[in-house]
Amino acid sequence: MSTENADMATGATAEEIDEAFDRGEDMRKYFDFEHGELRQPDVVKEVRTYRKVNVDFPADMVGALDAYAARIGIGRQSLVKAWIWERLREEQERDVRLGVTRVSVEERK
C-alpha cells in the first residue's frame, strides 16, 4: 500500500477506499467523527449568456407585479424571470407526458 495521499485515520489510499465502498464495506472507519468540522459547501456559479428582452405590459399589470414582488421581497424582474422559468418547466413536463418532441434552444435560434 502506498502512503502517498493516504487517509490519515486508516492509512488507506483513495483507491483502496473506493474499492471498499464498491464492496459494500462499512465506510465509518474512514471518517473522523470526533474532529470533524461543519463547512459551507463550495458554491459554483453557473456561467450564462444573457440577452436583453423588452416586453410592454399594461400599467395595471405592472402595478400588480410590483405589489406581489414587494410582498415576497424580490424585484419585479426577478419575479417575472421566476414565473416564466416555472411556466417553461411546466410546459416541458407536459410535453414529456404527452410524448411531444421537446423544443431545444438550438431549434429556436
PDB file of N, CA and C in Angstrom:
ATOM      1  N   MET A   1       0.852  -1.186   0.000  1.00  0.00           N
ATOM      2  CA  MET A   1       0.000   0.000   0.000  1.00  0.00           C
ATOM      3  C   MET A   1       0.887   1.235   0.000  1.00  0.00           C
ATOM      4  N   SER A   2       0.594   2.143  -0.895  1.00  0.00           N
ATOM      5  CA  SER A   2       1.330   3.397  -0.967  1.00  0.00           C
ATOM      6  C   SER A   2       0.804   4.349   0.099  1.00  0.00           C
ATOM      7  N   THR A   3       1.698   5.090   0.737  1.00  0.00           N
ATOM      8  CA  THR A   3       1.248   6.058   1.740  1.00  0.00           C
ATOM      9  C   THR A   3       0.994   7.414   1.110  1.00  0.00           C
ATOM     10  N   GLU A   4       1.286   7.564  -0.208  1.00  0.00           N
ATOM     11  CA  GLU A   4       1.030   8.833  -0.890  1.00  0.00           C
ATOM     12  C   GLU A   4      -0.475   9.061  -0.963  1.00  0.00           C
ATOM     13  N   ASN A   5      -0.924  10.221  -0.526  1.00  0.00           N
ATOM     14  CA  ASN A   5      -2.344  10.589  -0.485  1.00  0.00           C
ATOM     15  C   ASN A   5      -3.167   9.607   0.338  1.00  0.00           C
ATOM     16  N   ALA A   6      -2.576   9.055   1.387  1.00  0.00           N
ATOM     17  CA  ALA A   6      -3.282   8.088   2.223  1.00  0.00           C
ATOM     18  C   ALA A   6      -4.175   8.793   3.230  1.00  0.00           C
ATOM     19  N   ASP A   7      -5.267   8.134   3.602  1.00  0.00           N
ATOM     20  CA  ASP A   7      -6.178   8.632   4.625  1.00  0.00           C
ATOM     21  C   ASP A   7      -5.435   8.645   5.955  1.00  0.00           C
ATOM     22  N   MET A   8      -5.512   9.772   6.686  1.00  0.00           N
ATOM     23  CA  MET A   8      -4.747   9.917   7.928  1.00  0.00           C
ATOM     24  C   MET A   8      -5.212   8.945   9.007  1.00  0.00           C
ATOM     25  N   ALA A   9      -6.493   8.659   9.070  1.00  0.00           N
ATOM     26  CA  ALA A   9      -7.004   7.804  10.147  1.00  0.00           C
ATOM     27  C   ALA A   9      -6.663   6.342   9.923  1.00  0.00           C
ATOM     28  N   THR A  10      -6.714   5.875   8.672  1.00  0.00           N
ATOM     29  CA  THR A  10      -6.534   4.452   8.416  1.00  0.00           C
ATOM     30  C   THR A  10      -5.306   4.124   7.595  1.00  0.00           C
ATOM     31  N   GLY A  11      -4.701   5.118   6.948  1.00  0.00           N
ATOM     32  CA  GLY A  11      -3.565   4.854   6.086  1.00  0.00           C
ATOM     33  C   GLY A  11      -3.979   4.340   4.719  1.00  0.00           C
ATOM     34  N   ALA A  12      -5.276   4.323   4.436  1.00  0.00           N
ATOM     35  CA  ALA A  12      -5.773   3.807   3.161  1.00  0.00           C
ATOM     36  C   ALA A  12      -5.672   4.874   2.085  1.00  0.00           C
ATOM     37  N   THR A  13      -5.395   4.443   0.863  1.00  0.00           N
ATOM     38  CA  THR A  13      -5.359   5.373  -0.257  1.00  0.00           C
ATOM     39  C   THR A  13      -6.785   5.579  -0.762  1.00  0.00           C
ATOM     40  N   ALA A  14      -6.957   6.591  -1.589  1.00  0.00           N
ATOM     41  CA  ALA A  14      -8.277   6.866  -2.161  1.00  0.00           C
ATOM     42  C   ALA A  14      -8.773   5.670  -2.966  1.00  0.00           C
ATOM     43  N   GLU A  15      -7.870   5.017  -3.693  1.00  0.00           N
ATOM     44  CA  GLU A  15      -8.265   3.852  -4.487  1.00  0.00           C
ATOM     45  C   GLU A  15      -8.760   2.719  -3.592  1.00  0.00           C
ATOM     46  N   GLU A  16      -8.076   2.515  -2.473  1.00  0.00           N
ATOM     47  CA  GLU A  16      -8.486   1.462  -1.545  1.00  0.00           C
ATOM     48  C   GLU A  16      -9.833   1.787  -0.902  1.00  0.00           C
ATOM     49  N   ILE A  17     -10.052   3.051  -0.593  1.00  0.00           N
ATOM     50  CA  ILE A  17     -11.344   3.458  -0.027  1.00  0.00           C
ATOM     51  C   ILE A  17     -12.447   3.258  -1.060  1.00  0.00           C
ATOM     52  N   ASP A  18     -12.183   3.615  -2.313  1.00  0.00           N
ATOM     53  CA  ASP A  18     -13.158   3.388  -3.391  1.00  0.00           C
ATOM     54  C   ASP A  18     -13.504   1.911  -3.519  1.00  0.00           C
ATOM     55  N   GLU A  19     -12.484   1.070  -3.489  1.00  0.00           N
ATOM     56  CA  GLU A  19     -12.715  -0.372  -3.611  1.00  0.00           C
ATOM     57  C   GLU A  19     -13.534  -0.892  -2.437  1.00  0.00           C
ATOM     58  N   ALA A  20     -13.242  -0.416  -1.229  1.00  0.00           N
ATOM     59  CA  ALA A  20     -14.005  -0.834  -0.051  1.00  0.00           C
ATOM     60  C   ALA A  20     -15.461  -0.421  -0.184  1.00  0.00           C
ATOM     61  N   PHE A  21     -15.698   0.790  -0.687  1.00  0.00           N
ATOM     62  CA  PHE A  21     -17.074   1.256  -0.909  1.00  0.00           C
ATOM     63  C   PHE A  21     -17.772   0.367  -1.920  1.00  0.00           C
ATOM     64  N   ASP A  22     -17.079   0.060  -3.015  1.00  0.00           N
ATOM     65  CA  ASP A  22     -17.664  -0.787  -4.056  1.00  0.00           C
ATOM     66  C   ASP A  22     -18.010  -2.183  -3.534  1.00  0.00           C
ATOM     67  N   ARG A  23     -17.243  -2.669  -2.553  1.00  0.00           N
ATOM     68  CA  ARG A  23     -17.527  -3.983  -1.952  1.00  0.00           C
ATOM     69  C   ARG A  23     -18.657  -3.909  -0.927  1.00  0.00           C
ATOM     70  N   GLY A  24     -19.108  -2.698  -0.615  1.00  0.00           N
ATOM     71  CA  GLY A  24     -20.203  -2.541   0.341  1.00  0.00           C
ATOM     72  C   GLY A  24     -19.755  -2.529   1.788  1.00  0.00           C
ATOM     73  N   GLU A  25     -18.494  -2.263   2.027  1.00  0.00           N
ATOM     74  CA  GLU A  25     -17.984  -2.252   3.399  1.00  0.00           C
ATOM     75  C   GLU A  25     -18.506  -1.041   4.166  1.00  0.00           C
ATOM     76  N   ASP A  26     -18.458  -1.150   5.482  1.00  0.00           N
ATOM     77  CA  ASP A  26     -18.842  -0.048   6.360  1.00  0.00           C
ATOM     78  C   ASP A  26     -17.800   1.056   6.211  1.00  0.00           C
ATOM     79  N   MET A  27     -18.229   2.233   5.789  1.00  0.00           N
ATOM     80  CA  MET A  27     -17.306   3.319   5.487  1.00  0.00           C
ATOM     81  C   MET A  27     -16.991   4.192   6.704  1.00  0.00           C
ATOM     82  N   ARG A  28     -17.632   3.952   7.832  1.00  0.00           N
ATOM     83  CA  ARG A  28     -17.434   4.815   9.003  1.00  0.00           C
ATOM     84  C   ARG A  28     -16.001   4.831   9.498  1.00  0.00           C
ATOM     85  N   LYS A  29     -15.247   3.771   9.282  1.00  0.00           N
ATOM     86  CA  LYS A  29     -13.872   3.742   9.769  1.00  0.00           C
ATOM     87  C   LYS A  29     -12.971   4.731   9.031  1.00  0.00           C
ATOM     88  N   TYR A  30     -13.423   5.229   7.908  1.00  0.00           N
ATOM     89  CA  TYR A  30     -12.639   6.187   7.134  1.00  0.00           C
ATOM     90  C   TYR A  30     -12.928   7.639   7.499  1.00  0.00           C
ATOM     91  N   PHE A  31     -13.830   7.862   8.442  1.00  0.00           N
ATOM     92  CA  PHE A  31     -14.204   9.220   8.817  1.00  0.00           C
ATOM     93  C   PHE A  31     -13.849   9.488  10.267  1.00  0.00           C
ATOM     94  N   ASP A  32     -13.369  10.693  10.536  1.00  0.00           N
ATOM     95  CA  ASP A  32     -13.030  11.122  11.887  1.00  0.00           C
ATOM     96  C   ASP A  32     -14.204  11.948  12.416  1.00  0.00           C
ATOM     97  N   PHE A  33     -15.088  11.306  13.158  1.00  0.00           N
ATOM     98  CA  PHE A  33     -16.286  11.972  13.658  1.00  0.00           C
ATOM     99  C   PHE A  33     -15.993  12.877  14.859  1.00  0.00           C
ATOM    100  N   GLU A  34     -14.900  12.642  15.557  1.00  0.00           N
ATOM    101  CA  GLU A  34     -14.577  13.443  16.741  1.00  0.00           C
ATOM    102  C   GLU A  34     -13.991  14.805  16.399  1.00  0.00           C
ATOM    103  N   HIS A  35     -13.298  14.907  15.288  1.00  0.00           N
ATOM    104  CA  HIS A  35     -12.606  16.137  14.956  1.00  0.00           C
ATOM    105  C   HIS A  35     -13.158  16.784  13.677  1.00  0.00           C
ATOM    106  N   GLY A  36     -14.327  16.385  13.290  1.00  0.00           N
ATOM    107  CA  GLY A  36     -14.921  16.946  12.075  1.00  0.00           C
ATOM    108  C   GLY A  36     -15.363  18.387  12.286  1.00  0.00           C
ATOM    109  N   GLU A  37     -15.505  19.094  11.189  1.00  0.00           N
ATOM    110  CA  GLU A  37     -15.979  20.472  11.259  1.00  0.00           C
ATOM    111  C   GLU A  37     -17.029  20.680  10.184  1.00  0.00           C
ATOM    112  N   LEU A  38     -17.975  21.525  10.494  1.00  0.00           N
ATOM    113  CA  LEU A  38     -19.033  21.848   9.551  1.00  0.00           C
ATOM    114  C   LEU A  38     -18.536  22.944   8.627  1.00  0.00           C
ATOM    115  N   ARG A  39     -18.575  22.683   7.331  1.00  0.00           N
ATOM    116  CA  ARG A  39     -18.132  23.673   6.354  1.00  0.00           C
ATOM    117  C   ARG A  39     -19.272  24.003   5.411  1.00  0.00           C
ATOM    118  N   GLN A  40     -19.258  25.219   4.935  1.00  0.00           N
ATOM    119  CA  GLN A  40     -20.232  25.616   3.922  1.00  0.00           C
ATOM    120  C   GLN A  40     -19.822  24.979   2.598  1.00  0.00           C
ATOM    121  N   PRO A  41     -20.789  24.554   1.801  1.00  0.00           N
ATOM    122  CA  PRO A  41     -20.433  23.941   0.523  1.00  0.00           C
ATOM    123  C   PRO A  41     -19.809  24.968  -0.419  1.00  0.00           C
ATOM    124  N   ASP A  42     -18.942  24.478  -1.283  1.00  0.00           N
ATOM    125  CA  ASP A  42     -18.372  25.353  -2.297  1.00  0.00           C
ATOM    126  C   ASP A  42     -19.474  25.718  -3.283  1.00  0.00           C
ATOM    127  N   VAL A  43     -19.582  26.978  -3.577  1.00  0.00           N
ATOM    128  CA  VAL A  43     -20.614  27.448  -4.496  1.00  0.00           C
ATOM    129  C   VAL A  43     -19.978  27.676  -5.857  1.00  0.00           C
ATOM    130  N   VAL A  44     -20.532  27.010  -6.843  1.00  0.00           N
ATOM    131  CA  VAL A  44     -20.054  27.183  -8.204  1.00  0.00           C
ATOM    132  C   VAL A  44     -21.131  27.938  -8.958  1.00  0.00           C
ATOM    133  N   LYS A  45     -20.778  29.127  -9.411  1.00  0.00           N
ATOM    134  CA  LYS A  45     -21.745  29.941 -10.122  1.00  0.00           C
ATOM    135  C   LYS A  45     -21.792  29.516 -11.579  1.00  0.00           C
ATOM    136  N   GLU A  46     -22.991  29.259 -12.041  1.00  0.00           N
ATOM    137  CA  GLU A  46     -23.178  28.869 -13.430  1.00  0.00           C
ATOM    138  C   GLU A  46     -22.969  30.088 -14.323  1.00  0.00           C
ATOM    139  N   VAL A  47     -22.192  29.904 -15.366  1.00  0.00           N
ATOM    140  CA  VAL A  47     -21.947  30.984 -16.303  1.00  0.00           C
ATOM    141  C   VAL A  47     -23.017  30.917 -17.387  1.00  0.00           C
ATOM    142  N   ARG A  48     -23.752  31.992 -17.542  1.00  0.00           N
ATOM    143  CA  ARG A  48     -24.805  32.043 -18.545  1.00  0.00           C
ATOM    144  C   ARG A  48     -24.607  33.249 -19.439  1.00  0.00           C
ATOM    145  N   THR A  49     -25.096  33.121 -20.637  1.00  0.00           N
ATOM    146  CA  THR A  49     -25.116  34.243 -21.554  1.00  0.00           C
ATOM    147  C   THR A  49     -26.513  34.846 -21.476  1.00  0.00           C
ATOM    148  N   TYR A  50     -26.576  36.148 -21.356  1.00  0.00           N
ATOM    149  CA  TYR A  50     -27.863  36.821 -21.236  1.00  0.00           C
ATOM    150  C   TYR A  50     -28.162  37.616 -22.494  1.00  0.00           C
ATOM    151  N   ARG A  51     -29.436  37.687 -22.812  1.00  0.00           N
ATOM    152  CA  ARG A  51     -29.909  38.533 -23.896  1.00  0.00           C
ATOM    153  C   ARG A  51     -31.021  39.403 -23.349  1.00  0.00           C
ATOM    154  N   LYS A  52     -30.995  40.651 -23.719  1.00  0.00           N
ATOM    155  CA  LYS A  52     -31.993  41.595 -23.247  1.00  0.00           C
ATOM    156  C   LYS A  52     -33.278  41.409 -24.050  1.00  0.00           C
ATOM    157  N   VAL A  53     -34.401  41.391 -23.341  1.00  0.00           N
ATOM    158  CA  VAL A  53     -35.718  41.259 -23.962  1.00  0.00           C
ATOM    159  C   VAL A  53     -36.604  42.355 -23.391  1.00  0.00           C
ATOM    160  N   ASN A  54     -37.235  43.099 -24.236  1.00  0.00           N
ATOM    161  CA  ASN A  54     -38.153  44.150 -23.788  1.00  0.00           C
ATOM    162  C   ASN A  54     -39.585  43.679 -23.998  1.00  0.00           C
ATOM    163  N   VAL A  55     -40.384  43.823 -22.970  1.00  0.00           N
ATOM    164  CA  VAL A  55     -41.792  43.440 -23.029  1.00  0.00           C
ATOM    165  C   VAL A  55     -42.603  44.602 -22.476  1.00  0.00           C
ATOM    166  N   ASP A  56     -43.635  44.983 -23.199  1.00  0.00           N
ATOM    167  CA  ASP A  56     -44.518  46.053 -22.739  1.00  0.00           C
ATOM    168  C   ASP A  56     -45.725  45.433 -22.055  1.00  0.00           C
ATOM    169  N   PHE A  57     -45.994  45.887 -20.816  1.00  0.00           N
ATOM    170  CA  PHE A  57     -47.144  45.412 -20.055  1.00  0.00           C
ATOM    171  C   PHE A  57     -48.081  46.579 -19.794  1.00  0.00           C
ATOM    172  N   PRO A  58     -49.366  46.303 -19.670  1.00  0.00           N
ATOM    173  CA  PRO A  58     -50.294  47.366 -19.260  1.00  0.00           C
ATOM    174  C   PRO A  58     -49.932  47.860 -17.855  1.00  0.00           C
ATOM    175  N   ALA A  59     -50.215  49.117 -17.578  1.00  0.00           N
ATOM    176  CA  ALA A  59     -49.849  49.734 -16.299  1.00  0.00           C
ATOM    177  C   ALA A  59     -50.424  48.990 -15.109  1.00  0.00           C
ATOM    178  N   ASP A  60     -51.678  48.527 -15.220  1.00  0.00           N
ATOM    179  CA  ASP A  60     -52.256  47.819 -14.076  1.00  0.00           C
ATOM    180  C   ASP A  60     -51.568  46.474 -13.834  1.00  0.00           C
ATOM    181  N   MET A  61     -51.053  45.841 -14.899  1.00  0.00           N
ATOM    182  CA  MET A  61     -50.317  44.592 -14.735  1.00  0.00           C
ATOM    183  C   MET A  61     -48.984  44.849 -14.040  1.00  0.00           C
ATOM    184  N   VAL A  62     -48.307  45.914 -14.411  1.00  0.00           N
ATOM    185  CA  VAL A  62     -47.041  46.276 -13.767  1.00  0.00           C
ATOM    186  C   VAL A  62     -47.285  46.571 -12.294  1.00  0.00           C
ATOM    187  N   GLY A  63     -48.391  47.261 -11.992  1.00  0.00           N
ATOM    188  CA  GLY A  63     -48.728  47.531 -10.591  1.00  0.00           C
ATOM    189  C   GLY A  63     -48.945  46.254  -9.805  1.00  0.00           C
ATOM    190  N   ALA A  64     -49.651  45.295 -10.425  1.00  0.00           N
ATOM    191  CA  ALA A  64     -49.887  44.014  -9.750  1.00  0.00           C
ATOM    192  C   ALA A  64     -48.579  43.253  -9.555  1.00  0.00           C
ATOM    193  N   LEU A  65     -47.715  43.267 -10.577  1.00  0.00           N
ATOM    194  CA  LEU A  65     -46.414  42.612 -10.452  1.00  0.00           C
ATOM    195  C   LEU A  65     -45.589  43.237  -9.333  1.00  0.00           C
ATOM    196  N   ASP A  66     -45.552  44.551  -9.292  1.00  0.00           N
ATOM    197  CA  ASP A  66     -44.801  45.246  -8.251  1.00  0.00           C
ATOM    198  C   ASP A  66     -45.328  44.935  -6.863  1.00  0.00           C
ATOM    199  N   ALA A  67     -46.655  44.900  -6.733  1.00  0.00           N
ATOM    200  CA  ALA A  67     -47.247  44.614  -5.428  1.00  0.00           C
ATOM    201  C   ALA A  67     -46.888  43.198  -4.971  1.00  0.00           C
ATOM    202  N   TYR A  68     -46.985  42.242  -5.868  1.00  0.00           N
ATOM    203  CA  TYR A  68     -46.671  40.873  -5.496  1.00  0.00           C
ATOM    204  C   TYR A  68     -45.177  40.721  -5.211  1.00  0.00           C
ATOM    205  N   ALA A  69     -44.324  41.338  -6.045  1.00  0.00           N
ATOM    206  CA  ALA A  69     -42.880  41.259  -5.816  1.00  0.00           C
ATOM    207  C   ALA A  69     -42.510  41.854  -4.460  1.00  0.00           C
ATOM    208  N   ALA A  70     -43.128  42.993  -4.112  1.00  0.00           N
ATOM    209  CA  ALA A  70     -42.861  43.622  -2.813  1.00  0.00           C
ATOM    210  C   ALA A  70     -43.325  42.722  -1.674  1.00  0.00           C
ATOM    211  N   ARG A  71     -44.453  42.071  -1.859  1.00  0.00           N
ATOM    212  CA  ARG A  71     -45.000  41.193  -0.814  1.00  0.00           C
ATOM    213  C   ARG A  71     -44.063  40.041  -0.491  1.00  0.00           C
ATOM    214  N   ILE A  72     -43.391  39.505  -1.540  1.00  0.00           N
ATOM    215  CA  ILE A  72     -42.488  38.381  -1.268  1.00  0.00           C
ATOM    216  C   ILE A  72     -41.027  38.812  -1.168  1.00  0.00           C
ATOM    217  N   GLY A  73     -40.771  40.122  -1.327  1.00  0.00           N
ATOM    218  CA  GLY A  73     -39.446  40.664  -1.058  1.00  0.00           C
ATOM    219  C   GLY A  73     -38.431  40.490  -2.174  1.00  0.00           C
ATOM    220  N   ILE A  74     -38.877  40.493  -3.425  1.00  0.00           N
ATOM    221  CA  ILE A  74     -37.941  40.434  -4.548  1.00  0.00           C
ATOM    222  C   ILE A  74     -38.293  41.528  -5.542  1.00  0.00           C
ATOM    223  N   GLY A  75     -37.435  41.753  -6.508  1.00  0.00           N
ATOM    224  CA  GLY A  75     -37.698  42.763  -7.522  1.00  0.00           C
ATOM    225  C   GLY A  75     -38.625  42.245  -8.613  1.00  0.00           C
ATOM    226  N   ARG A  76     -39.173  43.175  -9.360  1.00  0.00           N
ATOM    227  CA  ARG A  76     -40.102  42.823 -10.443  1.00  0.00           C
ATOM    228  C   ARG A  76     -39.440  41.899 -11.469  1.00  0.00           C
ATOM    229  N   GLN A  77     -38.226  42.246 -11.878  1.00  0.00           N
ATOM    230  CA  GLN A  77     -37.555  41.427 -12.890  1.00  0.00           C
ATOM    231  C   GLN A  77     -37.330  39.999 -12.397  1.00  0.00           C
ATOM    232  N   SER A  78     -36.936  39.854 -11.144  1.00  0.00           N
ATOM    233  CA  SER A  78     -36.733  38.515 -10.587  1.00  0.00           C
ATOM    234  C   SER A  78     -38.035  37.725 -10.569  1.00  0.00           C
ATOM    235  N   LEU A  79     -39.110  38.400 -10.220  1.00  0.00           N
ATOM    236  CA  LEU A  79     -40.413  37.735 -10.192  1.00  0.00           C
ATOM    237  C   LEU A  79     -40.811  37.261 -11.590  1.00  0.00           C
ATOM    238  N   VAL A  80     -40.671  38.140 -12.575  1.00  0.00           N
ATOM    239  CA  VAL A  80     -41.039  37.779 -13.944  1.00  0.00           C
ATOM    240  C   VAL A  80     -40.182  36.617 -14.438  1.00  0.00           C
ATOM    241  N   LYS A  81     -38.878  36.658 -14.185  1.00  0.00           N
ATOM    242  CA  LYS A  81     -37.997  35.561 -14.602  1.00  0.00           C
ATOM    243  C   LYS A  81     -38.401  34.245 -13.942  1.00  0.00           C
ATOM    244  N   ALA A  82     -38.666  34.309 -12.642  1.00  0.00           N
ATOM    245  CA  ALA A  82     -39.036  33.091 -11.914  1.00  0.00           C
ATOM    246  C   ALA A  82     -40.332  32.506 -12.457  1.00  0.00           C
ATOM    247  N   TRP A  83     -41.323  33.350 -12.696  1.00  0.00           N
ATOM    248  CA  TRP A  83     -42.597  32.859 -13.206  1.00  0.00           C
ATOM    249  C   TRP A  83     -42.471  32.289 -14.611  1.00  0.00           C
ATOM    250  N   ILE A  84     -41.701  32.940 -15.461  1.00  0.00           N
ATOM    251  CA  ILE A  84     -41.527  32.423 -16.818  1.00  0.00           C
ATOM    252  C   ILE A  84     -40.764  31.105 -16.788  1.00  0.00           C
ATOM    253  N   TRP A  85     -39.723  31.047 -15.974  1.00  0.00           N
ATOM    254  CA  TRP A  85     -38.958  29.802 -15.864  1.00  0.00           C
ATOM    255  C   TRP A  85     -39.841  28.667 -15.351  1.00  0.00           C
ATOM    256  N   GLU A  86     -40.661  28.963 -14.350  1.00  0.00           N
ATOM    257  CA  GLU A  86     -41.587  27.968 -13.802  1.00  0.00           C
ATOM    258  C   GLU A  86     -42.540  27.473 -14.887  1.00  0.00           C
ATOM    259  N   ARG A  87     -43.079  28.381 -15.667  1.00  0.00           N
ATOM    260  CA  ARG A  87     -44.011  28.001 -16.722  1.00  0.00           C
ATOM    261  C   ARG A  87     -43.329  27.174 -17.810  1.00  0.00           C
ATOM    262  N   LEU A  88     -42.093  27.536 -18.157  1.00  0.00           N
ATOM    263  CA  LEU A  88     -41.358  26.749 -19.148  1.00  0.00           C
ATOM    264  C   LEU A  88     -41.148  25.319 -18.671  1.00  0.00           C
ATOM    265  N   ARG A  89     -40.801  25.149 -17.383  1.00  0.00           N
ATOM    266  CA  ARG A  89     -40.646  23.798 -16.832  1.00  0.00           C
ATOM    267  C   ARG A  89     -41.957  23.039 -16.884  1.00  0.00           C
ATOM    268  N   GLU A  90     -43.070  23.696 -16.538  1.00  0.00           N
ATOM    269  CA  GLU A  90     -44.380  23.044 -16.605  1.00  0.00           C
ATOM    270  C   GLU A  90     -44.693  22.587 -18.023  1.00  0.00           C
ATOM    271  N   GLU A  91     -44.390  23.431 -19.004  1.00  0.00           N
ATOM    272  CA  GLU A  91     -44.651  23.081 -20.397  1.00  0.00           C
ATOM    273  C   GLU A  91     -43.781  21.906 -20.838  1.00  0.00           C
ATOM    274  N   GLN A  92     -42.526  21.890 -20.404  1.00  0.00           N
ATOM    275  CA  GLN A  92     -41.651  20.770 -20.742  1.00  0.00           C
ATOM    276  C   GLN A  92     -42.157  19.473 -20.122  1.00  0.00           C
ATOM    277  N   GLU A  93     -42.616  19.533 -18.868  1.00  0.00           N
ATOM    278  CA  GLU A  93     -43.164  18.350 -18.218  1.00  0.00           C
ATOM    279  C   GLU A  93     -44.419  17.868 -18.936  1.00  0.00           C
ATOM    280  N   ARG A  94     -45.257  18.806 -19.370  1.00  0.00           N
ATOM    281  CA  ARG A  94     -46.466  18.448 -20.105  1.00  0.00           C
ATOM    282  C   ARG A  94     -46.093  17.779 -21.422  1.00  0.00           C
ATOM    283  N   ASP A  95     -45.104  18.324 -22.115  1.00  0.00           N
ATOM    284  CA  ASP A  95     -44.661  17.731 -23.370  1.00  0.00           C
ATOM    285  C   ASP A  95     -44.167  16.308 -23.172  1.00  0.00           C
ATOM    286  N   VAL A  96     -43.431  16.071 -22.080  1.00  0.00           N
ATOM    287  CA  VAL A  96     -42.937  14.728 -21.788  1.00  0.00           C
ATOM    288  C   VAL A  96     -44.114  13.785 -21.560  1.00  0.00           C
ATOM    289  N   ARG A  97     -45.095  14.233 -20.775  1.00  0.00           N
ATOM    290  CA  ARG A  97     -46.273  13.386 -20.514  1.00  0.00           C
ATOM    291  C   ARG A  97     -47.033  13.059 -21.793  1.00  0.00           C
ATOM    292  N   LEU A  98     -47.117  14.021 -22.702  1.00  0.00           N
ATOM    293  CA  LEU A  98     -47.867  13.832 -23.943  1.00  0.00           C
ATOM    294  C   LEU A  98     -47.032  13.208 -25.052  1.00  0.00           C
ATOM    295  N   GLY A  99     -45.737  13.063 -24.818  1.00  0.00           N
ATOM    296  CA  GLY A  99     -44.868  12.484 -25.831  1.00  0.00           C
ATOM    297  C   GLY A  99     -44.563  13.429 -26.970  1.00  0.00           C
ATOM    298  N   VAL A 100     -44.691  14.720 -26.713  1.00  0.00           N
ATOM    299  CA  VAL A 100     -44.399  15.726 -27.736  1.00  0.00           C
ATOM    300  C   VAL A 100     -42.895  15.933 -27.798  1.00  0.00           C
ATOM    301  N   THR A 101     -42.354  16.087 -28.998  1.00  0.00           N
ATOM    302  CA  THR A 101     -40.927  16.336 -29.160  1.00  0.00           C
ATOM    303  C   THR A 101     -40.557  17.636 -28.463  1.00  0.00           C
ATOM    304  N   ARG A 102     -39.535  17.558 -27.660  1.00  0.00           N
ATOM    305  CA  ARG A 102     -39.103  18.716 -26.886  1.00  0.00           C
ATOM    306  C   ARG A 102     -38.476  19.764 -27.788  1.00  0.00           C
ATOM    307  N   VAL A 103     -38.790  21.002 -27.556  1.00  0.00           N
ATOM    308  CA  VAL A 103     -38.211  22.112 -28.307  1.00  0.00           C
ATOM    309  C   VAL A 103     -36.867  22.439 -27.679  1.00  0.00           C
ATOM    310  N   SER A 104     -35.820  22.347 -28.467  1.00  0.00           N
ATOM    311  CA  SER A 104     -34.485  22.643 -27.927  1.00  0.00           C
ATOM    312  C   SER A 104     -34.164  24.102 -28.200  1.00  0.00           C
ATOM    313  N   VAL A 105     -33.202  24.614 -27.441  1.00  0.00           N
ATOM    314  CA  VAL A 105     -32.788  26.002 -27.592  1.00  0.00           C
ATOM    315  C   VAL A 105     -32.207  26.223 -28.985  1.00  0.00           C
ATOM    316  N   GLU A 106     -31.454  25.234 -29.490  1.00  0.00           N
ATOM    317  CA  GLU A 106     -30.822  25.375 -30.781  1.00  0.00           C
ATOM    318  C   GLU A 106     -31.841  25.523 -31.901  1.00  0.00           C
ATOM    319  N   GLU A 107     -33.007  24.875 -31.786  1.00  0.00           N
ATOM    320  CA  GLU A 107     -34.040  24.956 -32.806  1.00  0.00           C
ATOM    321  C   GLU A 107     -34.636  26.343 -32.887  1.00  0.00           C
ATOM    322  N   ARG A 108     -34.619  27.081 -31.791  1.00  0.00           N
ATOM    323  CA  ARG A 108     -35.284  28.379 -31.720  1.00  0.00           C
ATOM    324  C   ARG A 108     -34.429  29.523 -32.234  1.00  0.00           C
ATOM    325  N   LYS A 109     -33.158  29.284 -32.440  1.00  0.00           N
ATOM    326  CA  LYS A 109     -32.244  30.371 -32.832  1.00  0.00           C
ATOM    327  C   LYS A 109     -32.439  30.739 -34.277  1.00  0.00           C
TER     328      LYS A 109
END
